[in-house]
Amino acid sequence: MEKNDDILPAFFCVPDITGFTRFIASADITFSKDFIAGLLRRLINANILQMNVGEIEGDAIFFYKTGRLPAIKQVAKQCKTLFETFYNYIDMVQKEDPENYEKHLANGELGLKIIIHFGHISSANIKGRTKLIGEDVIITHKLLKNGIEEYEYILLTESYLNKIKKKDVSFWFHWDELKQGTEEYDHLGPVHYYYIPYRRQAADAAQPAKP
C-alpha cells in the first residue's frame, strides 16, 4: 500500500436516498436493483460541479472536490439539479412503468437529502483504488444520520459556511426557512450546521430575489 500524506482542502457534496432501506426490503428485487442503479447513474451524471466520486455506498454518492471552492451560486444550482434529477427519474418511471410505480413508489417514501461540508482530506492508494482519509471524511459520513425530522433537505455545515464567510445562503437556497442544528458524535465533539427543508413545488416555483 502506498500512502499519499498530502493534506488537501476539500468540498464535500453527498446526495443520500431517504427511505432506501425500507424500499430495498419491501420492493421486488427485479425492480429495485434496476431502479436504484438507474437513479445512481443519473445522479452521478448530474455532477455539474465536476466533482470526483469518492465512493458509492448503495444509497449515497460521496462527491468531493479539491482546489478552488465552488461559488455558493453553483453549489445551490448543483443541489437543485440533483433534486430535479431525482424527481425527473421518479416521474419517468411513473409514465413508463406505472404498475411498479404504483406498487413501490406512489407512497412517496423515497426522497433525497444532501450534505454539504468543507474540510481537509488525505488519501491512500489501496490496490489501485483511492481511499479518502481524515476527520472531515468521517464527519460527512456521520451527518447522514442526524436528528433532522424533515424528510428532504440540504444540510450545510458551519465549517462550509465559515469558509464562504456565511454569505447570505437564503438568497440562493430560497425555497424554505434556514434552520439550525447540532449533532454530537463520539471522538468528534459537536458538529454545527444549518439546513433548508426541500419542498419540491416551492423550489420549482420560487425565484431568488434580486440582490
N, C-alpha and C. Protein backbone atom coordinates (compact mmCIF):
# COMPACT_ATOMS: atom_id res chain seq x y z
N MET A 1 0.84 -1.20 0.00
CA MET A 1 0.00 0.00 0.00
C MET A 1 0.87 1.25 0.00
N GLU A 2 0.56 2.18 -0.91
CA GLU A 2 1.29 3.43 -0.97
C GLU A 2 0.43 4.54 -0.40
N LYS A 3 1.05 5.36 0.44
CA LYS A 3 0.31 6.44 1.07
C LYS A 3 0.65 7.77 0.45
N ASN A 4 -0.33 8.61 0.35
CA ASN A 4 -0.14 9.99 -0.05
C ASN A 4 -0.49 10.84 1.16
N ASP A 5 0.53 11.42 1.81
CA ASP A 5 0.31 12.12 3.07
C ASP A 5 -0.03 13.59 2.88
N ASP A 6 -0.18 14.05 1.64
CA ASP A 6 -0.57 15.43 1.41
C ASP A 6 -1.97 15.67 1.93
N ILE A 7 -2.14 16.73 2.68
CA ILE A 7 -3.46 17.10 3.20
C ILE A 7 -4.00 18.23 2.35
N LEU A 8 -5.19 18.03 1.81
CA LEU A 8 -5.77 18.99 0.87
C LEU A 8 -7.11 19.50 1.39
N PRO A 9 -7.40 20.80 1.19
CA PRO A 9 -8.75 21.28 1.47
C PRO A 9 -9.73 20.67 0.49
N ALA A 10 -10.93 20.36 0.95
CA ALA A 10 -11.88 19.67 0.09
C ALA A 10 -13.31 20.11 0.37
N PHE A 11 -14.08 20.20 -0.70
CA PHE A 11 -15.52 20.45 -0.65
C PHE A 11 -16.22 19.11 -0.80
N PHE A 12 -17.21 18.85 0.05
CA PHE A 12 -17.94 17.59 0.02
C PHE A 12 -19.41 17.85 -0.33
N CYS A 13 -19.95 16.99 -1.17
CA CYS A 13 -21.38 17.05 -1.52
C CYS A 13 -21.87 15.61 -1.60
N VAL A 14 -22.77 15.23 -0.70
CA VAL A 14 -23.21 13.84 -0.62
C VAL A 14 -24.73 13.75 -0.73
N PRO A 15 -25.26 13.41 -1.90
CA PRO A 15 -26.69 13.13 -2.02
C PRO A 15 -26.97 11.72 -1.49
N ASP A 16 -28.00 11.62 -0.66
CA ASP A 16 -28.32 10.36 0.01
C ASP A 16 -29.82 10.08 -0.17
N ILE A 17 -30.15 8.85 -0.56
CA ILE A 17 -31.55 8.48 -0.81
C ILE A 17 -32.23 8.17 0.52
N THR A 18 -33.22 8.96 0.87
CA THR A 18 -34.00 8.74 2.08
C THR A 18 -35.00 7.61 1.84
N GLY A 19 -35.15 6.74 2.82
CA GLY A 19 -36.09 5.63 2.69
C GLY A 19 -35.53 4.45 1.93
N PHE A 20 -34.22 4.44 1.71
CA PHE A 20 -33.58 3.41 0.89
C PHE A 20 -33.76 2.01 1.49
N THR A 21 -33.47 1.87 2.78
CA THR A 21 -33.52 0.55 3.41
C THR A 21 -34.92 -0.04 3.33
N ARG A 22 -35.92 0.76 3.63
CA ARG A 22 -37.31 0.30 3.57
C ARG A 22 -37.68 -0.10 2.14
N PHE A 23 -37.22 0.70 1.18
CA PHE A 23 -37.52 0.40 -0.22
C PHE A 23 -36.90 -0.94 -0.64
N ILE A 24 -35.62 -1.14 -0.31
CA ILE A 24 -34.93 -2.37 -0.69
C ILE A 24 -35.58 -3.58 -0.02
N ALA A 25 -36.00 -3.40 1.23
CA ALA A 25 -36.58 -4.51 1.97
C ALA A 25 -37.97 -4.89 1.47
N SER A 26 -38.70 -3.93 0.91
CA SER A 26 -40.09 -4.19 0.55
C SER A 26 -40.32 -4.35 -0.96
N ALA A 27 -39.47 -3.78 -1.78
CA ALA A 27 -39.70 -3.81 -3.23
C ALA A 27 -39.21 -5.12 -3.84
N ASP A 28 -39.79 -5.49 -4.98
CA ASP A 28 -39.31 -6.65 -5.72
C ASP A 28 -37.87 -6.40 -6.17
N ILE A 29 -37.00 -7.35 -5.94
CA ILE A 29 -35.59 -7.16 -6.25
C ILE A 29 -35.37 -6.96 -7.75
N THR A 30 -36.20 -7.59 -8.58
CA THR A 30 -36.06 -7.42 -10.02
C THR A 30 -36.30 -5.97 -10.44
N PHE A 31 -37.15 -5.28 -9.69
CA PHE A 31 -37.40 -3.86 -9.97
C PHE A 31 -36.39 -2.97 -9.24
N SER A 32 -36.17 -3.23 -7.95
CA SER A 32 -35.36 -2.33 -7.14
C SER A 32 -33.92 -2.22 -7.61
N LYS A 33 -33.32 -3.35 -8.06
CA LYS A 33 -31.91 -3.30 -8.46
C LYS A 33 -31.72 -2.43 -9.70
N ASP A 34 -32.64 -2.53 -10.66
CA ASP A 34 -32.54 -1.70 -11.86
C ASP A 34 -32.91 -0.25 -11.56
N PHE A 35 -33.90 -0.06 -10.71
CA PHE A 35 -34.32 1.30 -10.37
C PHE A 35 -33.19 2.06 -9.67
N ILE A 36 -32.59 1.45 -8.65
CA ILE A 36 -31.53 2.12 -7.90
C ILE A 36 -30.30 2.36 -8.77
N ALA A 37 -29.93 1.37 -9.59
CA ALA A 37 -28.79 1.55 -10.48
C ALA A 37 -29.03 2.71 -11.44
N GLY A 38 -30.23 2.78 -12.01
CA GLY A 38 -30.56 3.88 -12.92
C GLY A 38 -30.56 5.22 -12.23
N LEU A 39 -31.06 5.26 -11.00
CA LEU A 39 -31.10 6.51 -10.24
C LEU A 39 -29.69 6.99 -9.90
N LEU A 40 -28.85 6.10 -9.43
CA LEU A 40 -27.48 6.48 -9.08
C LEU A 40 -26.71 6.96 -10.31
N ARG A 41 -26.90 6.30 -11.44
CA ARG A 41 -26.23 6.74 -12.68
C ARG A 41 -26.64 8.17 -13.03
N ARG A 42 -27.92 8.44 -12.91
CA ARG A 42 -28.42 9.78 -13.25
C ARG A 42 -27.89 10.83 -12.28
N LEU A 43 -27.83 10.50 -11.01
CA LEU A 43 -27.30 11.45 -10.03
C LEU A 43 -25.81 11.72 -10.28
N ILE A 44 -25.07 10.69 -10.64
CA ILE A 44 -23.65 10.89 -10.96
C ILE A 44 -23.50 11.76 -12.20
N ASN A 45 -24.35 11.53 -13.20
CA ASN A 45 -24.28 12.33 -14.43
C ASN A 45 -24.75 13.77 -14.22
N ALA A 46 -25.44 14.03 -13.10
CA ALA A 46 -25.91 15.39 -12.80
C ALA A 46 -24.84 16.22 -12.10
N ASN A 47 -23.62 15.78 -12.17
CA ASN A 47 -22.49 16.39 -11.47
C ASN A 47 -21.98 17.62 -12.23
N ILE A 48 -22.70 18.74 -12.14
CA ILE A 48 -22.33 19.93 -12.89
C ILE A 48 -21.10 20.63 -12.32
N LEU A 49 -20.74 20.33 -11.06
CA LEU A 49 -19.55 20.94 -10.46
C LEU A 49 -18.27 20.19 -10.80
N GLN A 50 -18.40 19.12 -11.59
CA GLN A 50 -17.25 18.31 -12.00
C GLN A 50 -16.47 17.80 -10.78
N MET A 51 -17.21 17.26 -9.83
CA MET A 51 -16.61 16.71 -8.62
C MET A 51 -16.11 15.29 -8.87
N ASN A 52 -15.24 14.83 -8.01
CA ASN A 52 -14.79 13.45 -8.03
C ASN A 52 -15.79 12.58 -7.26
N VAL A 53 -15.91 11.33 -7.66
CA VAL A 53 -16.73 10.38 -6.91
C VAL A 53 -15.79 9.57 -6.02
N GLY A 54 -15.88 9.83 -4.70
CA GLY A 54 -15.03 9.11 -3.76
C GLY A 54 -15.46 7.68 -3.59
N GLU A 55 -16.76 7.48 -3.43
CA GLU A 55 -17.32 6.13 -3.30
C GLU A 55 -18.83 6.19 -3.46
N ILE A 56 -19.41 5.04 -3.71
CA ILE A 56 -20.86 4.89 -3.77
C ILE A 56 -21.24 3.87 -2.72
N GLU A 57 -22.16 4.24 -1.83
CA GLU A 57 -22.46 3.41 -0.67
C GLU A 57 -23.86 2.83 -0.71
N GLY A 58 -24.34 2.49 -1.89
CA GLY A 58 -25.68 1.91 -2.00
C GLY A 58 -26.76 2.95 -2.09
N ASP A 59 -26.86 3.80 -1.07
CA ASP A 59 -27.88 4.84 -1.06
C ASP A 59 -27.29 6.24 -1.11
N ALA A 60 -25.98 6.38 -1.18
CA ALA A 60 -25.33 7.69 -1.15
C ALA A 60 -24.16 7.73 -2.12
N ILE A 61 -23.94 8.91 -2.71
CA ILE A 61 -22.79 9.14 -3.58
C ILE A 61 -21.90 10.16 -2.89
N PHE A 62 -20.66 9.79 -2.65
CA PHE A 62 -19.73 10.65 -1.93
C PHE A 62 -18.93 11.46 -2.93
N PHE A 63 -19.47 12.64 -3.30
CA PHE A 63 -18.75 13.56 -4.19
C PHE A 63 -17.79 14.41 -3.37
N TYR A 64 -16.64 14.72 -3.96
CA TYR A 64 -15.74 15.68 -3.33
C TYR A 64 -14.97 16.43 -4.41
N LYS A 65 -14.45 17.59 -4.02
CA LYS A 65 -13.71 18.43 -4.98
C LYS A 65 -12.61 19.16 -4.23
N THR A 66 -11.39 19.01 -4.69
CA THR A 66 -10.28 19.75 -4.13
C THR A 66 -10.01 20.97 -5.01
N GLY A 67 -9.13 21.83 -4.53
CA GLY A 67 -8.84 23.03 -5.30
C GLY A 67 -9.79 24.16 -4.94
N ARG A 68 -10.09 24.99 -5.91
CA ARG A 68 -10.91 26.17 -5.66
C ARG A 68 -12.33 25.79 -5.23
N LEU A 69 -12.81 26.42 -4.18
CA LEU A 69 -14.15 26.15 -3.66
C LEU A 69 -15.20 26.65 -4.65
N PRO A 70 -16.19 25.84 -4.99
CA PRO A 70 -17.24 26.30 -5.90
C PRO A 70 -18.01 27.49 -5.31
N ALA A 71 -18.42 28.41 -6.16
CA ALA A 71 -19.22 29.55 -5.71
C ALA A 71 -20.55 29.05 -5.15
N ILE A 72 -21.06 29.72 -4.13
CA ILE A 72 -22.30 29.28 -3.49
C ILE A 72 -23.46 29.24 -4.49
N LYS A 73 -23.44 30.14 -5.47
CA LYS A 73 -24.47 30.10 -6.52
C LYS A 73 -24.45 28.76 -7.25
N GLN A 74 -23.25 28.27 -7.54
CA GLN A 74 -23.12 27.00 -8.25
C GLN A 74 -23.44 25.81 -7.35
N VAL A 75 -23.14 25.94 -6.06
CA VAL A 75 -23.49 24.87 -5.11
C VAL A 75 -25.01 24.74 -5.02
N ALA A 76 -25.70 25.88 -4.94
CA ALA A 76 -27.17 25.86 -4.90
C ALA A 76 -27.73 25.25 -6.18
N LYS A 77 -27.14 25.62 -7.31
CA LYS A 77 -27.59 25.07 -8.59
C LYS A 77 -27.35 23.56 -8.64
N GLN A 78 -26.20 23.12 -8.10
CA GLN A 78 -25.91 21.69 -8.08
C GLN A 78 -26.95 20.93 -7.24
N CYS A 79 -27.26 21.46 -6.08
CA CYS A 79 -28.24 20.81 -5.21
C CYS A 79 -29.60 20.73 -5.88
N LYS A 80 -30.03 21.82 -6.48
CA LYS A 80 -31.33 21.80 -7.15
C LYS A 80 -31.33 20.83 -8.33
N THR A 81 -30.21 20.77 -9.05
CA THR A 81 -30.10 19.83 -10.18
C THR A 81 -30.22 18.39 -9.70
N LEU A 82 -29.63 18.07 -8.56
CA LEU A 82 -29.73 16.73 -8.02
C LEU A 82 -31.17 16.39 -7.65
N PHE A 83 -31.87 17.33 -7.02
CA PHE A 83 -33.28 17.10 -6.69
C PHE A 83 -34.12 16.94 -7.97
N GLU A 84 -33.89 17.79 -8.95
CA GLU A 84 -34.64 17.70 -10.21
C GLU A 84 -34.37 16.38 -10.91
N THR A 85 -33.12 15.94 -10.89
CA THR A 85 -32.77 14.66 -11.50
C THR A 85 -33.48 13.51 -10.80
N PHE A 86 -33.51 13.56 -9.49
CA PHE A 86 -34.20 12.53 -8.70
C PHE A 86 -35.68 12.46 -9.07
N TYR A 87 -36.35 13.61 -9.08
CA TYR A 87 -37.80 13.60 -9.33
C TYR A 87 -38.13 13.38 -10.80
N ASN A 88 -37.27 13.81 -11.69
CA ASN A 88 -37.50 13.51 -13.11
C ASN A 88 -37.45 12.01 -13.36
N TYR A 89 -36.57 11.33 -12.65
CA TYR A 89 -36.48 9.88 -12.79
C TYR A 89 -37.73 9.20 -12.23
N ILE A 90 -38.19 9.66 -11.07
CA ILE A 90 -39.43 9.12 -10.49
C ILE A 90 -40.58 9.34 -11.47
N ASP A 91 -40.67 10.53 -12.04
CA ASP A 91 -41.74 10.85 -12.99
C ASP A 91 -41.66 9.96 -14.23
N MET A 92 -40.44 9.68 -14.68
CA MET A 92 -40.26 8.83 -15.85
C MET A 92 -40.77 7.41 -15.56
N VAL A 93 -40.45 6.90 -14.38
CA VAL A 93 -40.92 5.56 -14.01
C VAL A 93 -42.45 5.55 -13.95
N GLN A 94 -43.03 6.62 -13.44
CA GLN A 94 -44.50 6.70 -13.36
C GLN A 94 -45.13 6.58 -14.74
N LYS A 95 -44.51 7.20 -15.73
CA LYS A 95 -45.05 7.17 -17.10
C LYS A 95 -44.76 5.86 -17.81
N GLU A 96 -43.52 5.34 -17.64
CA GLU A 96 -43.10 4.19 -18.42
C GLU A 96 -43.37 2.84 -17.75
N ASP A 97 -43.52 2.85 -16.44
CA ASP A 97 -43.75 1.60 -15.71
C ASP A 97 -44.77 1.87 -14.59
N PRO A 98 -46.00 2.23 -14.96
CA PRO A 98 -46.99 2.63 -13.95
C PRO A 98 -47.30 1.55 -12.93
N GLU A 99 -47.21 0.30 -13.33
CA GLU A 99 -47.53 -0.78 -12.38
C GLU A 99 -46.53 -0.80 -11.23
N ASN A 100 -45.24 -0.77 -11.54
CA ASN A 100 -44.24 -0.76 -10.48
C ASN A 100 -44.22 0.57 -9.73
N TYR A 101 -44.53 1.64 -10.43
CA TYR A 101 -44.62 2.93 -9.74
C TYR A 101 -45.69 2.87 -8.66
N GLU A 102 -46.87 2.41 -9.00
CA GLU A 102 -47.96 2.34 -8.03
C GLU A 102 -47.63 1.37 -6.90
N LYS A 103 -46.93 0.33 -7.24
CA LYS A 103 -46.62 -0.70 -6.25
C LYS A 103 -45.52 -0.28 -5.28
N HIS A 104 -44.51 0.46 -5.79
CA HIS A 104 -43.32 0.72 -4.97
C HIS A 104 -43.00 2.19 -4.71
N LEU A 105 -43.52 3.11 -5.51
CA LEU A 105 -43.08 4.50 -5.41
C LEU A 105 -44.18 5.50 -5.13
N ALA A 106 -45.43 5.13 -5.37
CA ALA A 106 -46.53 6.09 -5.27
C ALA A 106 -46.74 6.61 -3.86
N ASN A 107 -46.26 5.86 -2.86
CA ASN A 107 -46.45 6.29 -1.47
C ASN A 107 -45.50 7.42 -1.07
N GLY A 108 -44.56 7.77 -1.94
CA GLY A 108 -43.65 8.89 -1.68
C GLY A 108 -42.64 8.64 -0.58
N GLU A 109 -42.33 7.38 -0.29
CA GLU A 109 -41.41 7.08 0.80
C GLU A 109 -39.94 7.23 0.42
N LEU A 110 -39.66 7.40 -0.86
CA LEU A 110 -38.28 7.68 -1.27
C LEU A 110 -38.10 9.19 -1.41
N GLY A 111 -37.00 9.68 -0.90
CA GLY A 111 -36.69 11.10 -1.01
C GLY A 111 -35.18 11.30 -1.13
N LEU A 112 -34.75 12.54 -1.01
CA LEU A 112 -33.33 12.86 -1.17
C LEU A 112 -32.93 13.89 -0.13
N LYS A 113 -31.75 13.70 0.42
CA LYS A 113 -31.13 14.72 1.27
C LYS A 113 -29.70 14.91 0.79
N ILE A 114 -29.16 16.11 1.00
CA ILE A 114 -27.82 16.42 0.51
C ILE A 114 -27.00 17.04 1.64
N ILE A 115 -25.81 16.51 1.86
CA ILE A 115 -24.90 17.02 2.87
C ILE A 115 -23.81 17.84 2.17
N ILE A 116 -23.62 19.09 2.62
CA ILE A 116 -22.56 19.95 2.10
C ILE A 116 -21.60 20.27 3.24
N HIS A 117 -20.32 20.02 3.01
CA HIS A 117 -19.32 20.21 4.07
C HIS A 117 -18.02 20.69 3.44
N PHE A 118 -17.21 21.36 4.24
CA PHE A 118 -15.86 21.74 3.82
C PHE A 118 -14.89 21.29 4.89
N GLY A 119 -13.77 20.71 4.47
CA GLY A 119 -12.75 20.29 5.43
C GLY A 119 -11.46 19.94 4.72
N HIS A 120 -10.78 18.93 5.23
CA HIS A 120 -9.49 18.53 4.65
C HIS A 120 -9.44 17.02 4.52
N ILE A 121 -8.70 16.56 3.53
CA ILE A 121 -8.56 15.13 3.29
C ILE A 121 -7.11 14.78 3.00
N SER A 122 -6.78 13.54 3.25
CA SER A 122 -5.59 12.92 2.68
C SER A 122 -6.08 11.65 2.00
N SER A 123 -5.21 10.97 1.31
CA SER A 123 -5.65 9.79 0.59
C SER A 123 -4.60 8.70 0.64
N ALA A 124 -5.07 7.48 0.47
CA ALA A 124 -4.17 6.33 0.39
C ALA A 124 -4.55 5.52 -0.84
N ASN A 125 -3.55 4.98 -1.50
CA ASN A 125 -3.77 4.12 -2.65
C ASN A 125 -3.76 2.68 -2.17
N ILE A 126 -4.90 2.02 -2.27
CA ILE A 126 -5.03 0.65 -1.80
C ILE A 126 -5.39 -0.23 -2.99
N LYS A 127 -4.40 -0.97 -3.49
CA LYS A 127 -4.58 -1.85 -4.63
C LYS A 127 -5.22 -1.13 -5.82
N GLY A 128 -4.69 0.05 -6.11
CA GLY A 128 -5.14 0.80 -7.26
C GLY A 128 -6.36 1.66 -7.04
N ARG A 129 -6.94 1.62 -5.84
CA ARG A 129 -8.12 2.42 -5.54
C ARG A 129 -7.77 3.49 -4.53
N THR A 130 -8.28 4.69 -4.74
CA THR A 130 -8.01 5.79 -3.84
C THR A 130 -9.00 5.79 -2.69
N LYS A 131 -8.49 5.77 -1.47
CA LYS A 131 -9.32 5.81 -0.28
C LYS A 131 -9.10 7.14 0.42
N LEU A 132 -10.20 7.90 0.62
CA LEU A 132 -10.10 9.18 1.31
C LEU A 132 -10.01 8.95 2.81
N ILE A 133 -9.17 9.74 3.46
CA ILE A 133 -8.91 9.58 4.88
C ILE A 133 -8.96 10.95 5.54
N GLY A 134 -9.47 10.99 6.77
CA GLY A 134 -9.45 12.23 7.53
C GLY A 134 -10.71 12.43 8.35
N GLU A 135 -10.60 13.28 9.35
CA GLU A 135 -11.72 13.56 10.24
C GLU A 135 -12.93 14.09 9.50
N ASP A 136 -12.68 14.93 8.50
CA ASP A 136 -13.81 15.53 7.77
C ASP A 136 -14.53 14.52 6.90
N VAL A 137 -13.83 13.50 6.46
CA VAL A 137 -14.49 12.40 5.74
C VAL A 137 -15.45 11.69 6.68
N ILE A 138 -14.99 11.45 7.92
CA ILE A 138 -15.84 10.79 8.92
C ILE A 138 -17.03 11.65 9.27
N ILE A 139 -16.80 12.96 9.46
CA ILE A 139 -17.91 13.87 9.80
C ILE A 139 -18.98 13.84 8.72
N THR A 140 -18.55 13.90 7.46
CA THR A 140 -19.51 13.90 6.36
C THR A 140 -20.36 12.64 6.36
N HIS A 141 -19.72 11.49 6.59
CA HIS A 141 -20.46 10.24 6.68
C HIS A 141 -21.41 10.24 7.88
N LYS A 142 -20.93 10.71 9.02
CA LYS A 142 -21.76 10.72 10.23
C LYS A 142 -23.01 11.56 10.06
N LEU A 143 -22.87 12.67 9.34
CA LEU A 143 -24.00 13.59 9.19
C LEU A 143 -25.16 13.00 8.39
N LEU A 144 -24.91 11.88 7.71
CA LEU A 144 -26.01 11.22 7.00
C LEU A 144 -27.05 10.68 7.99
N LYS A 145 -26.62 10.46 9.23
CA LYS A 145 -27.53 10.06 10.31
C LYS A 145 -27.59 11.21 11.30
N ASN A 146 -28.71 11.86 11.36
CA ASN A 146 -28.83 13.04 12.22
C ASN A 146 -30.25 13.15 12.77
N GLY A 147 -30.48 14.18 13.55
CA GLY A 147 -31.77 14.33 14.21
C GLY A 147 -32.77 15.19 13.45
N ILE A 148 -32.49 15.52 12.20
CA ILE A 148 -33.42 16.35 11.43
C ILE A 148 -34.68 15.55 11.12
N GLU A 149 -35.83 16.11 11.43
CA GLU A 149 -37.09 15.40 11.22
C GLU A 149 -37.62 15.54 9.80
N GLU A 150 -37.16 16.55 9.08
CA GLU A 150 -37.61 16.74 7.70
C GLU A 150 -37.17 15.55 6.85
N TYR A 151 -37.98 15.23 5.85
CA TYR A 151 -37.69 14.07 5.00
C TYR A 151 -36.67 14.39 3.92
N GLU A 152 -36.73 15.60 3.40
CA GLU A 152 -35.80 16.04 2.35
C GLU A 152 -35.24 17.40 2.73
N TYR A 153 -33.95 17.55 2.55
CA TYR A 153 -33.32 18.81 2.96
C TYR A 153 -31.91 18.90 2.39
N ILE A 154 -31.35 20.11 2.50
CA ILE A 154 -29.93 20.34 2.24
C ILE A 154 -29.31 20.77 3.56
N LEU A 155 -28.26 20.07 3.97
CA LEU A 155 -27.55 20.39 5.21
C LEU A 155 -26.23 21.05 4.85
N LEU A 156 -25.96 22.21 5.44
CA LEU A 156 -24.72 22.95 5.20
C LEU A 156 -24.00 23.09 6.54
N THR A 157 -22.82 22.50 6.65
CA THR A 157 -22.13 22.57 7.93
C THR A 157 -21.59 23.98 8.20
N GLU A 158 -21.39 24.24 9.49
CA GLU A 158 -20.83 25.53 9.87
C GLU A 158 -19.43 25.70 9.28
N SER A 159 -18.70 24.59 9.14
CA SER A 159 -17.36 24.66 8.53
C SER A 159 -17.44 25.18 7.10
N TYR A 160 -18.45 24.72 6.35
CA TYR A 160 -18.63 25.23 4.99
C TYR A 160 -19.05 26.69 5.01
N LEU A 161 -20.01 27.03 5.87
CA LEU A 161 -20.50 28.41 5.91
C LEU A 161 -19.41 29.37 6.37
N ASN A 162 -18.56 28.94 7.29
CA ASN A 162 -17.44 29.78 7.71
C ASN A 162 -16.47 30.00 6.56
N LYS A 163 -16.28 28.98 5.74
CA LYS A 163 -15.36 29.09 4.61
C LYS A 163 -15.86 30.11 3.60
N ILE A 164 -17.18 30.17 3.39
CA ILE A 164 -17.72 31.15 2.45
C ILE A 164 -18.11 32.45 3.17
N LYS A 165 -17.63 32.57 4.44
CA LYS A 165 -17.85 33.75 5.27
C LYS A 165 -19.33 34.01 5.50
N LYS A 166 -20.08 32.90 5.62
CA LYS A 166 -21.51 32.94 5.93
C LYS A 166 -22.26 33.93 5.03
N LYS A 167 -21.98 33.85 3.76
CA LYS A 167 -22.72 34.68 2.81
C LYS A 167 -24.20 34.34 2.90
N ASP A 168 -25.03 35.18 2.38
CA ASP A 168 -26.48 35.02 2.53
C ASP A 168 -26.96 33.80 1.76
N VAL A 169 -26.93 32.65 2.44
CA VAL A 169 -27.34 31.42 1.77
C VAL A 169 -28.83 31.42 1.44
N SER A 170 -29.61 32.18 2.20
CA SER A 170 -31.06 32.20 1.93
C SER A 170 -31.38 32.83 0.58
N PHE A 171 -30.45 33.61 0.04
CA PHE A 171 -30.67 34.20 -1.28
C PHE A 171 -30.64 33.12 -2.36
N TRP A 172 -29.74 32.13 -2.17
CA TRP A 172 -29.58 31.08 -3.18
C TRP A 172 -30.42 29.84 -2.86
N PHE A 173 -30.52 29.51 -1.57
CA PHE A 173 -31.38 28.40 -1.14
C PHE A 173 -32.65 29.03 -0.58
N HIS A 174 -33.56 29.35 -1.47
CA HIS A 174 -34.62 30.31 -1.15
C HIS A 174 -36.01 29.72 -1.04
N TRP A 175 -36.13 28.38 -1.04
CA TRP A 175 -37.46 27.80 -1.09
C TRP A 175 -38.03 27.47 0.29
N ASP A 176 -37.24 27.67 1.35
CA ASP A 176 -37.78 27.43 2.69
C ASP A 176 -36.88 28.13 3.71
N GLU A 177 -37.31 28.11 4.96
CA GLU A 177 -36.59 28.78 6.03
C GLU A 177 -35.31 28.03 6.38
N LEU A 178 -34.25 28.79 6.61
CA LEU A 178 -32.98 28.22 7.05
C LEU A 178 -33.06 27.91 8.54
N LYS A 179 -32.78 26.66 8.91
CA LYS A 179 -32.88 26.24 10.31
C LYS A 179 -31.51 25.78 10.80
N GLN A 180 -31.36 25.76 12.12
CA GLN A 180 -30.07 25.45 12.72
C GLN A 180 -30.13 24.15 13.50
N GLY A 181 -29.01 23.41 13.52
CA GLY A 181 -28.95 22.16 14.28
C GLY A 181 -27.54 21.84 14.70
N THR A 182 -27.41 20.88 15.60
CA THR A 182 -26.11 20.41 16.09
C THR A 182 -26.20 18.91 16.34
N GLU A 183 -25.16 18.19 15.97
CA GLU A 183 -25.03 16.78 16.31
C GLU A 183 -23.78 16.59 17.15
N GLU A 184 -23.85 15.69 18.10
CA GLU A 184 -22.71 15.36 18.95
C GLU A 184 -22.26 13.94 18.63
N TYR A 185 -21.02 13.79 18.20
CA TYR A 185 -20.51 12.48 17.83
C TYR A 185 -19.31 12.11 18.71
N ASP A 186 -19.25 10.85 19.11
CA ASP A 186 -18.13 10.38 19.91
C ASP A 186 -16.81 10.66 19.20
N HIS A 187 -15.85 11.18 19.96
CA HIS A 187 -14.49 11.46 19.49
C HIS A 187 -14.40 12.65 18.53
N LEU A 188 -15.53 13.16 18.10
CA LEU A 188 -15.54 14.30 17.17
C LEU A 188 -16.07 15.57 17.82
N GLY A 189 -16.88 15.41 18.85
CA GLY A 189 -17.48 16.57 19.51
C GLY A 189 -18.68 17.09 18.75
N PRO A 190 -19.11 18.31 19.06
CA PRO A 190 -20.29 18.87 18.39
C PRO A 190 -20.00 19.29 16.95
N VAL A 191 -20.95 19.03 16.07
CA VAL A 191 -20.88 19.46 14.67
C VAL A 191 -22.09 20.35 14.44
N HIS A 192 -21.85 21.61 14.19
CA HIS A 192 -22.93 22.58 13.99
C HIS A 192 -23.25 22.72 12.51
N TYR A 193 -24.51 22.93 12.20
CA TYR A 193 -24.93 23.04 10.81
C TYR A 193 -26.22 23.84 10.69
N TYR A 194 -26.52 24.21 9.46
CA TYR A 194 -27.81 24.80 9.10
C TYR A 194 -28.43 23.90 8.04
N TYR A 195 -29.73 23.90 7.95
CA TYR A 195 -30.37 23.08 6.92
C TYR A 195 -31.60 23.78 6.37
N ILE A 196 -31.90 23.44 5.13
CA ILE A 196 -33.04 24.00 4.42
C ILE A 196 -33.94 22.85 4.00
N PRO A 197 -35.13 22.75 4.56
CA PRO A 197 -36.06 21.71 4.08
C PRO A 197 -36.35 21.91 2.60
N TYR A 198 -36.41 20.83 1.87
CA TYR A 198 -36.69 20.91 0.44
C TYR A 198 -38.16 20.66 0.19
N ARG A 199 -38.82 21.61 -0.48
CA ARG A 199 -40.21 21.46 -0.90
C ARG A 199 -40.22 21.52 -2.41
N ARG A 200 -40.59 20.44 -3.04
CA ARG A 200 -40.48 20.36 -4.49
C ARG A 200 -41.25 21.48 -5.18
N GLN A 201 -42.50 21.66 -4.84
CA GLN A 201 -43.31 22.67 -5.52
C GLN A 201 -42.80 24.07 -5.23
N ALA A 202 -42.36 24.30 -3.98
CA ALA A 202 -41.84 25.63 -3.64
C ALA A 202 -40.54 25.91 -4.38
N ALA A 203 -39.68 24.89 -4.48
CA ALA A 203 -38.39 25.08 -5.17
C ALA A 203 -38.61 25.31 -6.67
N ASP A 204 -39.60 24.62 -7.24
CA ASP A 204 -39.88 24.81 -8.66
C ASP A 204 -40.44 26.19 -8.95
N ALA A 205 -41.22 26.69 -8.01
CA ALA A 205 -41.91 27.96 -8.25
C ALA A 205 -41.09 29.18 -7.88
N ALA A 206 -40.22 29.04 -6.87
CA ALA A 206 -39.53 30.20 -6.31
C ALA A 206 -38.44 30.71 -7.24
N GLN A 207 -38.24 32.01 -7.20
CA GLN A 207 -37.14 32.65 -7.89
C GLN A 207 -36.41 33.52 -6.88
N PRO A 208 -35.08 33.49 -6.88
CA PRO A 208 -34.35 34.29 -5.90
C PRO A 208 -34.59 35.78 -6.09
N ALA A 209 -34.71 36.49 -4.98
CA ALA A 209 -34.85 37.94 -5.05
C ALA A 209 -33.59 38.56 -5.60
N LYS A 210 -33.71 39.69 -6.21
CA LYS A 210 -32.52 40.35 -6.75
C LYS A 210 -31.73 41.00 -5.63
N PRO A 211 -30.38 40.88 -5.69
CA PRO A 211 -29.56 41.43 -4.61
C PRO A 211 -29.64 42.94 -4.59
